[in-house]
Amino acid sequence: MARAEQKIKVKVESPTSEFYVEVKASDKVKDLIKIVKKVWGSDYMLLSHNSVEMKGDQTLSTYGVTNGSVIKVTVFAEEP
């Protein structure tokens, strides 16, 4: 029987706020963006990990996101 993929806990932070979320390394960046939108309510944001801009159709593991990673979020008032 195949083992279920283990969830990892990552910190999502902006210059003014932060929260933790459990995800899978195989989750797509766009799935994380949906979670961030629910928490902060902005449609315009940029996610980065280790100073690399994250693209929505890639997996979190593509960017080396692991348990304890920090995802930086830049939120824009309008479309950049």
C-alpha atoms as a PDB file:
ATOM      1  CA  MET A   1       0.000   0.000   0.000  1.00  0.00           C
ATOM      2  CA  ALA A   2       1.370   3.425  -0.954  1.00  0.00           C
ATOM      3  CA  ARG A   3       2.104   5.848   1.830  1.00  0.00           C
ATOM      4  CA  ALA A   4       0.278   9.158   1.766  1.00  0.00           C
ATOM      5  CA  GLU A   5       2.533  12.094   1.136  1.00  0.00           C
ATOM      6  CA  GLN A   6       3.477  13.812   4.366  1.00  0.00           C
ATOM      7  CA  LYS A   7       2.362  17.372   4.950  1.00  0.00           C
ATOM      8  CA  ILE A   8       4.909  20.068   5.640  1.00  0.00           C
ATOM      9  CA  LYS A   9       4.448  23.239   7.674  1.00  0.00           C
ATOM     10  CA  VAL A  10       5.545  26.479   6.019  1.00  0.00           C
ATOM     11  CA  LYS A  11       5.509  30.060   7.214  1.00  0.00           C
ATOM     12  CA  VAL A  12       3.850  32.601   4.939  1.00  0.00           C
ATOM     13  CA  GLU A  13       4.891  36.168   5.715  1.00  0.00           C
ATOM     14  CA  SER A  14       4.446  39.689   4.441  1.00  0.00           C
ATOM     15  CA  PRO A  15       6.116  42.809   5.848  1.00  0.00           C
ATOM     16  CA  THR A  16       3.172  43.291   8.252  1.00  0.00           C
ATOM     17  CA  SER A  17       1.757  39.818   8.978  1.00  0.00           C
ATOM     18  CA  GLU A  18       2.460  36.096   9.003  1.00  0.00           C
ATOM     19  CA  PHE A  19       0.745  32.737   9.383  1.00  0.00           C
ATOM     20  CA  TYR A  20       1.589  29.048   9.145  1.00  0.00           C
ATOM     21  CA  VAL A  21      -0.026  26.567   6.789  1.00  0.00           C
ATOM     22  CA  GLU A  22       0.270  22.820   6.200  1.00  0.00           C
ATOM     23  CA  VAL A  23       0.749  21.808   2.571  1.00  0.00           C
ATOM     24  CA  LYS A  24       2.300  18.993   0.561  1.00  0.00           C
ATOM     25  CA  ALA A  25       5.530  19.542  -1.363  1.00  0.00           C
ATOM     26  CA  SER A  26       3.682  18.297  -4.457  1.00  0.00           C
ATOM     27  CA  ASP A  27       0.987  20.992  -4.137  1.00  0.00           C
ATOM     28  CA  LYS A  28       1.013  23.647  -6.829  1.00  0.00           C
ATOM     29  CA  VAL A  29       1.949  27.240  -6.029  1.00  0.00           C
ATOM     30  CA  LYS A  30      -1.524  28.284  -7.232  1.00  0.00           C
ATOM     31  CA  ASP A  31      -3.030  26.158  -4.421  1.00  0.00           C
ATOM     32  CA  LEU A  32      -0.993  28.104  -1.869  1.00  0.00           C
ATOM     33  CA  ILE A  33      -2.031  31.371  -3.529  1.00  0.00           C
ATOM     34  CA  LYS A  34      -5.699  30.413  -2.960  1.00  0.00           C
ATOM     35  CA  ILE A  35      -4.996  29.943   0.761  1.00  0.00           C
ATOM     36  CA  VAL A  36      -3.171  33.286   0.980  1.00  0.00           C
ATOM     37  CA  LYS A  37      -6.048  35.052  -0.821  1.00  0.00           C
ATOM     38  CA  LYS A  38      -8.514  33.656   1.743  1.00  0.00           C
ATOM     39  CA  VAL A  39      -6.381  34.954   4.620  1.00  0.00           C
ATOM     40  CA  TRP A  40      -5.379  38.364   3.221  1.00  0.00           C
ATOM     41  CA  GLY A  41      -8.078  38.979   0.613  1.00  0.00           C
ATOM     42  CA  SER A  42      -5.879  40.413  -2.128  1.00  0.00           C
ATOM     43  CA  ASP A  43      -5.961  39.271  -5.743  1.00  0.00           C
ATOM     44  CA  TYR A  44      -2.591  40.821  -6.522  1.00  0.00           C
ATOM     45  CA  MET A  45       0.399  39.194  -4.890  1.00  0.00           C
ATOM     46  CA  LEU A  46       3.817  37.785  -5.559  1.00  0.00           C
ATOM     47  CA  LEU A  47       5.121  34.731  -3.706  1.00  0.00           C
ATOM     48  CA  SER A  48       8.822  34.001  -3.423  1.00  0.00           C
ATOM     49  CA  HIS A  49      11.050  31.439  -1.752  1.00  0.00           C
ATOM     50  CA  ASN A  50      14.768  32.106  -1.277  1.00  0.00           C
ATOM     51  CA  SER A  51      14.386  35.285  -3.391  1.00  0.00           C
ATOM     52  CA  VAL A  52      12.985  33.324  -6.362  1.00  0.00           C
ATOM     53  CA  GLU A  53       9.565  34.331  -7.733  1.00  0.00           C
ATOM     54  CA  MET A  54       7.190  31.368  -7.612  1.00  0.00           C
ATOM     55  CA  LYS A  55       4.992  30.605 -10.652  1.00  0.00           C
ATOM     56  CA  GLY A  56       1.469  29.236 -10.096  1.00  0.00           C
ATOM     57  CA  ASP A  57       1.715  26.143 -12.285  1.00  0.00           C
ATOM     58  CA  GLN A  58       4.860  24.805 -10.576  1.00  0.00           C
ATOM     59  CA  THR A  59       4.927  22.594  -7.480  1.00  0.00           C
ATOM     60  CA  LEU A  60       6.259  23.833  -4.161  1.00  0.00           C
ATOM     61  CA  SER A  61       9.003  21.199  -4.333  1.00  0.00           C
ATOM     62  CA  THR A  62      10.204  22.769  -7.620  1.00  0.00           C
ATOM     63  CA  TYR A  63      11.326  25.718  -5.499  1.00  0.00           C
ATOM     64  CA  GLY A  64      12.851  23.584  -2.741  1.00  0.00           C
ATOM     65  CA  VAL A  65      10.046  24.247  -0.255  1.00  0.00           C
ATOM     66  CA  THR A  66      10.397  21.890   2.706  1.00  0.00           C
ATOM     67  CA  ASN A  67       9.139  21.680   6.280  1.00  0.00           C
ATOM     68  CA  GLY A  68       9.923  24.982   8.006  1.00  0.00           C
ATOM     69  CA  SER A  69      10.410  26.969   4.793  1.00  0.00           C
ATOM     70  CA  VAL A  70       9.421  30.650   4.682  1.00  0.00           C
ATOM     71  CA  ILE A  71       7.369  31.940   1.770  1.00  0.00           C
ATOM     72  CA  LYS A  72       7.569  35.720   1.337  1.00  0.00           C
ATOM     73  CA  VAL A  73       4.478  37.473   0.024  1.00  0.00           C
ATOM     74  CA  THR A  74       4.370  40.895  -1.568  1.00  0.00           C
ATOM     75  CA  VAL A  75       0.782  42.173  -1.714  1.00  0.00           C
ATOM     76  CA  PHE A  76      -0.172  44.886  -4.205  1.00  0.00           C
ATOM     77  CA  ALA A  77      -3.167  47.234  -3.897  1.00  0.00           C
ATOM     78  CA  GLU A  78      -3.751  46.865  -7.634  1.00  0.00           C
ATOM     79  CA  GLU A  79      -2.387  44.834 -10.509  1.00  0.00           C
ATOM     80  CA  PRO A  80       1.371  45.486 -10.769  1.00  0.00           C
END
